[in-house]
């Protein structure tokens, strides 16, 4: 059942929000030991919200179960970003997005597993156990919003997850798990209450089985927020017309079977498309992204030192030694790697050579996309260069191999433009995602084309 149909039945009294919430909570408890999708199950909080909805079922999302990635603050609910350094942290406030969902009758059922602070493409860099792919438990969900996509694919109940994307963390797990996910225009959804990875890149967006459900939830969570200095005042463009699509030539250098599935899906959709080249994006976006993202991440993570934020210990040594001890003990290997690399690119003598150059490249990437959108309504590519790999295969990869997985998705994230992954088909019984990318605030065109995919 699609979310819209379910919400209408809750509003009419045909379906009880409490009974549905009890059902989905029992489902989570039953599967979580095997799949590890949730870090926290908010049972009492969810049932309280459901009771309020049954008494007054008027919101746009009345009774709809929604899970949140574990980097969104919910008052008095543990928010740890899948990192030991924040284990036990319960925020004293709600994120703006959380308040928007509650106001419209959503039922917040818990916090989903992720790579610690969003650092990863496979959801293996987590301190809370690696989530398993819903189609094959020997494989990964993709990251960093792995729990969000994995549970969305497996649940039998109407449900939408909220994910977060910095370089592809919404669409990547959606591709691996066979669901739909939208990373919206940067600034469209407030980041207030989001635990930052990289401030100039982070975006919050929905994950669902159906494209219509993405649109339904985005309508609730978007909008200007005075608490977020990067929040946009502009609304979505109303034009939904898609006349011509550009197929990004450089993204077709993937497994021939994945290429075949993407081209077949485009042909089935009976949409006019032609190949377009984005040479600067294809050559420079990945390296530019990682320099910028790691520089911003190393700055954001500096506050977790055991004084004001993060785990604490006995201060019986000089402060620098104390800070080092807390961070060494509680940050995992990938978090430390990104702090070191990010700090290096910001150091005097290296800032001009790396960080500032990466920012200039970012501008070139944005200009290249803008030029393409003068000719095409949307761009299209495979979401990921591979299908979901086995955990045993991921364990053999080097850090650089992990970073290369984002080659399709970092461009739109650098440019802050909306992109959406929808399942295009299956390869060896594993889903293959197709990614559509639009110009700023053109989410409506993405929704229109997405509805034609399935």
Protein backbone atom coordinates (compact mmCIF):
# COMPACT_ATOMS: atom_id res chain seq x y z
CA UNK A 1 0.00 0.00 0.00
CA UNK A 2 1.33 3.41 -0.97
CA UNK A 3 1.65 6.04 1.73
CA UNK A 4 -1.06 8.30 0.32
CA UNK A 5 -3.67 5.52 0.30
CA UNK A 6 -2.70 4.47 3.82
CA UNK A 7 -2.91 8.04 5.18
CA UNK A 8 -6.39 8.46 3.67
CA UNK A 9 -7.54 5.31 5.47
CA UNK A 10 -6.09 6.54 8.77
CA UNK A 11 -7.89 9.86 8.34
CA UNK A 12 -11.20 8.11 7.63
CA UNK A 13 -10.80 5.86 10.67
CA UNK A 14 -10.62 2.71 8.55
CA UNK A 15 -7.08 1.98 9.82
CA UNK A 16 -5.75 2.55 13.35
CA UNK A 17 -2.38 4.34 13.55
CA UNK A 18 -1.72 2.63 16.90
CA UNK A 19 -2.26 -0.89 15.51
CA UNK A 20 -0.10 -0.16 12.46
CA UNK A 21 2.65 1.28 14.67
CA UNK A 22 2.53 -1.75 16.96
CA UNK A 23 2.85 -3.96 13.88
CA UNK A 24 5.87 -2.16 12.42
CA UNK A 25 7.60 -2.00 15.82
CA UNK A 26 7.15 -5.76 16.25
CA UNK A 27 8.52 -6.25 12.74
CA UNK A 28 11.62 -4.18 13.58
CA UNK A 29 12.25 -6.14 16.78
CA UNK A 30 11.90 -9.40 14.88
CA UNK A 31 14.32 -8.60 12.04
CA UNK A 32 16.78 -6.20 13.66
CA UNK A 33 18.91 -8.90 15.26
CA UNK A 34 19.54 -10.43 11.83
CA UNK A 35 19.73 -7.26 9.73
CA UNK A 36 20.89 -4.49 12.09
CA UNK A 37 18.92 -1.69 10.41
CA UNK A 38 18.13 0.24 13.61
CA UNK A 39 20.39 1.69 16.31
CA UNK A 40 17.44 2.85 18.42
CA UNK A 41 13.79 1.75 18.42
CA UNK A 42 11.61 4.57 19.80
CA UNK A 43 8.73 2.38 20.93
CA UNK A 44 7.09 4.52 23.62
CA UNK A 45 7.62 7.75 21.67
CA UNK A 46 6.12 6.19 18.52
CA UNK A 47 3.05 4.80 20.32
CA UNK A 48 2.42 8.16 22.02
CA UNK A 49 2.47 9.87 18.61
CA UNK A 50 0.18 7.19 17.16
CA UNK A 51 -2.39 7.66 19.95
CA UNK A 52 -2.49 11.39 19.23
CA UNK A 53 -3.04 10.70 15.53
CA UNK A 54 -5.93 8.29 16.18
CA UNK A 55 -7.59 11.00 18.30
CA UNK A 56 -7.01 13.70 15.69
CA UNK A 57 -6.00 12.25 12.28
CA UNK A 58 -5.63 15.48 10.31
CA UNK A 59 -1.97 15.86 9.29
CA UNK A 60 -0.58 15.42 5.78
CA UNK A 61 1.31 12.34 7.03
CA UNK A 62 -1.26 11.12 9.57
CA UNK A 63 -0.13 7.76 10.96
CA UNK A 64 2.74 7.24 8.51
CA UNK A 65 5.73 5.47 10.09
CA UNK A 66 9.00 7.29 9.47
CA UNK A 67 12.50 6.26 10.48
CA UNK A 68 15.31 8.76 10.86
CA UNK A 69 18.98 8.39 10.05
CA UNK A 70 20.94 8.42 13.29
CA UNK A 71 22.44 11.85 12.66
CA UNK A 72 19.17 13.74 13.21
CA UNK A 73 18.47 15.11 16.68
CA UNK A 74 15.30 13.97 18.41
CA UNK A 75 14.67 15.24 21.92
CA UNK A 76 15.50 12.62 24.58
CA UNK A 77 16.18 9.93 21.95
CA UNK A 78 19.75 8.62 21.66
CA UNK A 79 21.48 10.17 18.64
CA UNK A 80 24.94 8.72 18.11
CA UNK A 81 25.68 8.83 14.36
CA UNK A 82 26.73 5.16 14.74
CA UNK A 83 29.88 6.36 16.55
CA UNK A 84 31.03 5.33 20.00
CA UNK A 85 32.03 8.90 20.80
CA UNK A 86 28.34 9.93 20.90
CA UNK A 87 26.98 6.76 22.50
CA UNK A 88 24.40 7.73 25.10
CA UNK A 89 23.91 11.29 23.81
CA UNK A 90 20.26 12.39 24.03
CA UNK A 91 19.66 15.82 22.47
CA UNK A 92 17.64 18.40 24.43
CA UNK A 93 15.86 19.54 21.25
CA UNK A 94 14.33 18.38 17.96
CA UNK A 95 15.74 19.02 14.52
CA UNK A 96 13.53 21.34 12.43
CA UNK A 97 12.74 18.42 10.10
CA UNK A 98 11.62 16.33 13.08
CA UNK A 99 9.23 19.04 14.25
CA UNK A 100 7.83 19.33 10.71
CA UNK A 101 7.12 15.60 10.58
CA UNK A 102 5.49 15.46 14.02
CA UNK A 103 3.34 18.49 13.22
CA UNK A 104 1.88 16.65 10.20
CA UNK A 105 1.11 13.44 12.11
CA UNK A 106 4.13 11.27 11.25
CA UNK A 107 5.06 8.45 13.63
CA UNK A 108 8.81 8.44 14.35
CA UNK A 109 9.74 4.82 14.96
CA UNK A 110 13.50 4.98 15.50
CA UNK A 111 17.02 5.84 14.36
CA UNK A 112 18.63 3.88 11.53
CA UNK A 113 22.16 2.57 11.22
CA UNK A 114 24.73 4.45 9.14
CA UNK A 115 28.44 4.77 8.56
CA UNK A 116 29.82 6.71 11.54
CA UNK A 117 29.16 10.42 10.83
CA UNK A 118 28.26 9.41 7.24
CA UNK A 119 31.81 8.34 6.34
CA UNK A 120 31.37 5.50 3.86
CA UNK A 121 29.79 4.03 0.73
CA UNK A 122 29.00 0.55 2.09
CA UNK A 123 27.84 1.16 5.70
CA UNK A 124 30.73 -0.90 7.05
CA UNK A 125 32.35 1.99 8.97
CA UNK A 126 29.85 1.78 11.81
CA UNK A 127 30.32 1.17 15.54
CA UNK A 128 26.86 -0.38 15.90
CA UNK A 129 27.17 -3.48 13.71
CA UNK A 130 27.11 -3.69 9.91
CA UNK A 131 23.58 -3.76 8.44
CA UNK A 132 22.86 -6.53 5.94
CA UNK A 133 21.37 -6.24 2.48
CA UNK A 134 17.64 -7.15 2.53
CA UNK A 135 18.01 -9.25 -0.64
CA UNK A 136 21.15 -11.15 0.41
CA UNK A 137 22.48 -11.06 3.97
CA UNK A 138 26.02 -11.80 2.80
CA UNK A 139 26.06 -8.43 0.99
CA UNK A 140 26.17 -4.80 2.14
CA UNK A 141 23.34 -2.29 2.06
CA UNK A 142 25.45 0.54 0.71
CA UNK A 143 26.09 3.71 2.66
CA UNK A 144 26.02 5.80 4.43
CA UNK A 145 22.20 5.65 4.86
CA UNK A 146 22.27 1.86 4.81
CA UNK A 147 19.77 1.20 7.58
CA UNK A 148 17.27 3.57 5.99
CA UNK A 149 17.33 1.90 2.57
CA UNK A 150 17.59 -1.64 3.93
CA UNK A 151 14.55 -1.40 6.18
CA UNK A 152 12.52 0.45 3.56
CA UNK A 153 13.08 -2.44 1.16
CA UNK A 154 12.20 -5.14 3.69
CA UNK A 155 9.23 -3.76 5.66
CA UNK A 156 5.72 -4.88 4.82
CA UNK A 157 4.20 -1.69 6.24
CA UNK A 158 3.74 1.78 4.70
CA UNK A 159 6.96 3.56 5.63
CA UNK A 160 9.33 6.31 4.53
CA UNK A 161 12.86 6.80 5.82
CA UNK A 162 14.79 10.04 6.13
CA UNK A 163 18.36 9.75 4.88
CA UNK A 164 21.19 12.25 4.57
CA UNK A 165 23.54 12.75 1.65
CA UNK A 166 26.94 14.42 1.47
CA UNK A 167 28.40 12.67 -1.57
CA UNK A 168 25.79 10.05 -2.47
CA UNK A 169 24.68 8.60 0.86
CA UNK A 170 20.98 8.52 -0.06
CA UNK A 171 21.06 7.22 -3.62
CA UNK A 172 23.89 4.68 -3.15
CA UNK A 173 22.10 2.42 -0.64
CA UNK A 174 18.84 2.88 -2.56
CA UNK A 175 20.57 1.43 -5.62
CA UNK A 176 21.96 -1.53 -3.66
CA UNK A 177 18.64 -2.24 -1.89
CA UNK A 178 16.26 -1.63 -4.80
CA UNK A 179 14.27 1.33 -3.44
CA UNK A 180 13.78 4.98 -4.43
CA UNK A 181 15.59 7.89 -2.81
CA UNK A 182 15.82 11.63 -3.35
CA UNK A 183 18.69 13.93 -2.47
CA UNK A 184 17.08 17.37 -2.86
CA UNK A 185 18.51 20.75 -3.83
CA UNK A 186 21.02 21.96 -1.25
CA UNK A 187 19.25 24.24 1.24
CA UNK A 188 15.73 23.10 0.38
CA UNK A 189 15.41 21.11 3.63
CA UNK A 190 16.64 22.65 6.87
CA UNK A 191 19.82 21.17 8.34
CA UNK A 192 19.13 22.55 11.83
CA UNK A 193 19.47 19.60 14.20
CA UNK A 194 21.53 17.53 11.77
CA UNK A 195 24.90 16.39 13.12
CA UNK A 196 27.20 17.81 10.46
CA UNK A 197 29.52 15.88 8.17
CA UNK A 198 30.34 18.67 5.68
CA UNK A 199 28.24 21.82 6.02
CA UNK A 200 28.40 22.93 2.38
CA UNK A 201 27.38 19.49 1.10
CA UNK A 202 24.92 17.91 3.57
CA UNK A 203 21.31 17.39 2.44
CA UNK A 204 18.35 15.60 4.02
CA UNK A 205 15.96 13.62 1.85
CA UNK A 206 13.38 10.80 1.80
CA UNK A 207 13.78 7.10 0.97
CA UNK A 208 10.72 5.05 -0.03
CA UNK A 209 9.44 2.16 -2.10
CA UNK A 210 7.41 4.50 -4.31
CA UNK A 211 8.37 7.80 -5.96
CA UNK A 212 4.98 9.29 -5.01
CA UNK A 213 5.88 8.74 -1.34
CA UNK A 214 9.10 10.72 -1.81
CA UNK A 215 7.10 13.66 -3.12
CA UNK A 216 4.59 13.43 -0.29
CA UNK A 217 7.25 13.61 2.43
CA UNK A 218 9.41 16.24 0.70
CA UNK A 219 6.39 18.53 0.64
CA UNK A 220 6.33 18.40 4.45
CA UNK A 221 10.05 18.71 5.24
CA UNK A 222 11.05 21.42 2.71
CA UNK A 223 10.87 25.13 3.40
CA UNK A 224 12.81 28.07 4.77
CA UNK A 225 14.10 27.90 8.34
CA UNK A 226 15.51 30.93 10.14
CA UNK A 227 17.63 28.60 12.27
CA UNK A 228 19.61 27.42 9.22
CA UNK A 229 21.70 30.12 7.52
CA UNK A 230 21.91 28.02 4.32
CA UNK A 231 18.14 27.45 4.10
CA UNK A 232 16.58 28.57 0.82
CA UNK A 233 13.62 30.95 0.60
CA UNK A 234 12.80 29.73 -2.92
CA UNK A 235 10.24 26.99 -3.52
CA UNK A 236 10.29 24.24 -6.13
CA UNK A 237 9.76 25.11 -9.77
CA UNK A 238 6.32 23.95 -10.83
CA UNK A 239 7.32 22.78 -14.34
CA UNK A 240 7.16 18.96 -14.58
CA UNK A 241 7.78 18.71 -18.33
CA UNK A 242 10.58 16.38 -19.42
CA UNK A 243 11.18 16.60 -23.15
CA UNK A 244 14.83 15.62 -23.47
CA UNK A 245 17.32 13.79 -21.26
CA UNK A 246 21.11 13.75 -21.46
CA UNK A 247 22.75 10.36 -20.85
CA UNK A 248 26.15 11.08 -19.28
CA UNK A 249 28.62 9.34 -21.58
CA UNK A 250 31.43 8.92 -19.04
CA UNK A 251 29.19 7.02 -16.61
CA UNK A 252 28.65 4.15 -19.07
CA UNK A 253 32.14 2.77 -18.41
CA UNK A 254 30.66 0.22 -16.01
CA UNK A 255 29.81 -3.47 -16.03
CA UNK A 256 28.27 -4.12 -19.49
CA UNK A 257 25.23 -5.74 -17.89
CA UNK A 258 24.53 -2.63 -15.77
CA UNK A 259 24.87 -0.47 -18.90
CA UNK A 260 22.46 -2.77 -20.74
CA UNK A 261 19.86 -2.51 -17.94
CA UNK A 262 20.06 1.30 -17.89
CA UNK A 263 19.71 1.61 -21.68
CA UNK A 264 16.86 -0.90 -21.76
CA UNK A 265 14.99 1.01 -19.06
CA UNK A 266 15.38 4.29 -20.97
CA UNK A 267 14.06 2.64 -24.12
CA UNK A 268 11.09 1.18 -22.22
CA UNK A 269 10.23 4.63 -20.90
CA UNK A 270 9.93 5.91 -24.47
CA UNK A 271 11.78 9.09 -23.52
CA UNK A 272 13.95 11.09 -25.89
CA UNK A 273 17.59 10.95 -24.82
CA UNK A 274 21.06 11.42 -26.24
CA UNK A 275 24.57 11.10 -24.90
CA UNK A 276 26.23 14.14 -23.35
CA UNK A 277 29.80 14.52 -22.09
CA UNK A 278 30.70 16.03 -18.71
CA UNK A 279 34.51 15.73 -18.87
CA UNK A 280 35.39 18.07 -15.98
CA UNK A 281 32.90 16.48 -13.63
CA UNK A 282 34.00 12.97 -14.56
CA UNK A 283 37.71 13.74 -14.19
CA UNK A 284 37.87 16.10 -11.21
CA UNK A 285 34.66 15.88 -9.13
CA UNK A 286 35.69 12.88 -7.03
CA UNK A 287 39.05 14.28 -5.87
CA UNK A 288 37.57 17.75 -5.37
CA UNK A 289 34.71 16.33 -3.32
CA UNK A 290 36.91 14.35 -0.96
CA UNK A 291 39.23 17.30 -0.31
CA UNK A 292 36.31 19.62 0.53
CA UNK A 293 34.30 17.05 2.48
CA UNK A 294 37.23 15.88 4.60
CA UNK A 295 38.38 19.44 5.32
CA UNK A 296 34.91 20.36 6.57
CA UNK A 297 34.54 17.07 8.46
CA UNK A 298 37.82 17.49 10.33
CA UNK A 299 36.65 20.92 11.50
CA UNK A 300 33.21 19.65 12.55
CA UNK A 301 34.65 16.72 14.49
CA UNK A 302 37.03 18.90 16.51
CA UNK A 303 34.29 19.53 19.09
CA UNK A 304 34.17 15.87 20.12
CA UNK A 305 37.01 16.10 22.61
CA UNK A 306 35.48 14.86 25.86
CA UNK A 307 34.86 18.29 27.34
CA UNK A 308 31.60 19.65 25.96
CA UNK A 309 30.69 16.90 23.47
CA UNK A 310 31.50 13.22 23.25
CA UNK A 311 32.52 10.62 25.78
CA UNK A 312 34.22 11.82 28.93
CA UNK A 313 37.03 10.53 31.11
CA UNK A 314 39.05 11.60 34.11
CA UNK A 315 40.99 14.79 33.43
CA UNK A 316 44.16 13.80 35.27
CA UNK A 317 46.58 14.77 32.49
CA UNK A 318 47.31 17.81 30.27
CA UNK A 319 44.32 18.75 28.10
CA UNK A 320 45.92 17.83 24.76
CA UNK A 321 46.74 14.35 26.07
CA UNK A 322 43.20 14.02 27.43
CA UNK A 323 41.65 15.05 24.12
CA UNK A 324 43.86 12.60 22.23
CA UNK A 325 42.98 9.76 24.58
CA UNK A 326 39.22 10.32 24.25
CA UNK A 327 39.35 10.63 20.46
CA UNK A 328 41.72 7.68 19.98
CA UNK A 329 39.51 5.43 22.06
CA UNK A 330 36.14 6.42 20.56
CA UNK A 331 36.71 7.28 16.89
CA UNK A 332 36.94 4.35 14.47
CA UNK A 333 39.63 3.93 11.83
CA UNK A 334 37.79 5.65 8.97
CA UNK A 335 36.85 8.66 11.10
CA UNK A 336 40.50 9.09 12.11
CA UNK A 337 41.62 8.77 8.49
CA UNK A 338 39.27 11.57 7.38
CA UNK A 339 40.28 13.84 10.26
CA UNK A 340 43.96 13.43 9.34
CA UNK A 341 43.42 13.97 5.61
CA UNK A 342 41.05 16.89 6.17
CA UNK A 343 43.37 18.60 8.62
CA UNK A 344 46.28 18.21 6.19
CA UNK A 345 44.41 19.94 3.36
CA UNK A 346 43.63 22.91 5.63
CA UNK A 347 47.17 23.42 6.96
CA UNK A 348 49.20 26.53 6.15
CA UNK A 349 51.23 25.82 3.03
CA UNK A 350 48.77 23.20 1.75
CA UNK A 351 45.48 25.10 1.82
CA UNK A 352 46.15 26.87 -1.50
CA UNK A 353 47.41 23.71 -3.17
CA UNK A 354 44.48 21.52 -2.13
CA UNK A 355 41.43 23.09 -0.49
CA UNK A 356 41.22 26.34 -2.48
CA UNK A 357 41.97 24.53 -5.74
CA UNK A 358 39.20 22.02 -4.95
CA UNK A 359 36.77 24.90 -4.39
CA UNK A 360 37.66 26.35 -7.80
CA UNK A 361 37.07 22.94 -9.38
CA UNK A 362 33.69 22.83 -7.64
CA UNK A 363 32.73 26.03 -9.46
CA UNK A 364 33.75 24.47 -12.78
CA UNK A 365 31.59 21.42 -12.00
CA UNK A 366 28.57 23.63 -11.27
CA UNK A 367 29.12 25.56 -14.51
CA UNK A 368 29.37 22.32 -16.50
CA UNK A 369 26.05 21.10 -15.11
CA UNK A 370 24.40 24.46 -15.77
CA UNK A 371 25.59 24.33 -19.38
CA UNK A 372 24.11 20.84 -19.79
CA UNK A 373 20.75 21.93 -18.35
CA UNK A 374 20.46 24.61 -21.03
CA UNK A 375 19.94 21.75 -23.48
CA UNK A 376 18.46 18.95 -21.35
CA UNK A 377 15.65 18.83 -18.80
CA UNK A 378 17.38 16.06 -16.85
CA UNK A 379 20.60 14.04 -16.89
CA UNK A 380 20.73 10.30 -16.35
CA UNK A 381 23.34 7.69 -15.38
CA UNK A 382 23.70 4.46 -13.45
CA UNK A 383 23.56 5.24 -9.72
CA UNK A 384 26.46 2.96 -8.83
CA UNK A 385 29.15 1.30 -10.97
CA UNK A 386 28.45 -2.11 -9.38
CA UNK A 387 25.68 -4.09 -7.70
CA UNK A 388 25.83 -4.65 -3.93
CA UNK A 389 29.09 -6.49 -3.17
CA UNK A 390 29.58 -9.17 -0.55
CA UNK A 391 30.95 -8.04 2.81
CA UNK A 392 33.91 -10.38 2.26
CA UNK A 393 34.69 -8.51 -0.97
CA UNK A 394 34.40 -5.09 0.67
CA UNK A 395 36.82 -6.16 3.40
CA UNK A 396 39.51 -6.66 0.74
CA UNK A 397 39.15 -3.16 -0.72
CA UNK A 398 41.62 -0.36 -0.01
CA UNK A 399 40.37 3.06 1.18
CA UNK A 400 40.84 4.48 -2.33
CA UNK A 401 38.61 1.72 -3.74
CA UNK A 402 35.90 2.70 -1.25
CA UNK A 403 36.11 6.34 -2.31
CA UNK A 404 35.95 5.42 -6.02
CA UNK A 405 32.47 3.95 -5.47
CA UNK A 406 31.10 7.51 -5.33
CA UNK A 407 32.25 8.36 -8.85
CA UNK A 408 28.66 8.69 -10.19
CA UNK A 409 27.17 10.52 -7.22
CA UNK A 410 29.69 13.16 -6.07
CA UNK A 411 29.08 15.50 -9.04
CA UNK A 412 25.44 16.36 -8.20
CA UNK A 413 26.33 16.66 -4.52
CA UNK A 414 29.19 19.06 -5.23
CA UNK A 415 26.85 21.16 -7.36
CA UNK A 416 24.03 21.01 -4.80
CA UNK A 417 21.55 19.83 -7.44
CA UNK A 418 18.71 17.34 -6.88
CA UNK A 419 19.12 13.71 -7.89
CA UNK A 420 17.02 10.61 -7.46
CA UNK A 421 17.72 6.89 -7.70
CA UNK A 422 15.01 4.47 -8.81
CA UNK A 423 15.35 0.74 -9.40
CA UNK A 424 15.90 -0.01 -13.10
CA UNK A 425 16.07 -3.78 -12.97
CA UNK A 426 18.06 -6.72 -11.61
CA UNK A 427 21.45 -8.24 -12.36
CA UNK A 428 21.99 -11.71 -10.86
CA UNK A 429 18.91 -11.03 -8.70
CA UNK A 430 20.49 -7.84 -7.32
CA UNK A 431 18.97 -4.39 -7.96
CA UNK A 432 20.50 -1.83 -10.31
CA UNK A 433 19.70 1.84 -9.70
CA UNK A 434 19.18 4.47 -12.38
CA UNK A 435 19.92 8.05 -11.28
CA UNK A 436 18.18 11.11 -12.67
CA UNK A 437 19.68 14.54 -11.97
CA UNK A 438 17.95 17.89 -12.35
CA UNK A 439 18.83 21.55 -12.16
CA UNK A 440 18.38 23.41 -8.86
CA UNK A 441 14.79 23.24 -7.52
CA UNK A 442 13.65 20.97 -10.37
CA UNK A 443 12.55 18.12 -8.11
CA UNK A 444 9.13 18.07 -9.82
CA UNK A 445 10.76 16.94 -13.07
CA UNK A 446 12.47 14.13 -11.15
CA UNK A 447 9.15 13.02 -9.66
CA UNK A 448 7.52 13.06 -13.09
CA UNK A 449 10.20 10.91 -14.71
CA UNK A 450 10.49 8.66 -11.67
CA UNK A 451 6.82 7.73 -11.84
CA UNK A 452 7.42 6.49 -15.39
CA UNK A 453 10.31 4.19 -14.45
CA UNK A 454 8.38 1.55 -12.58
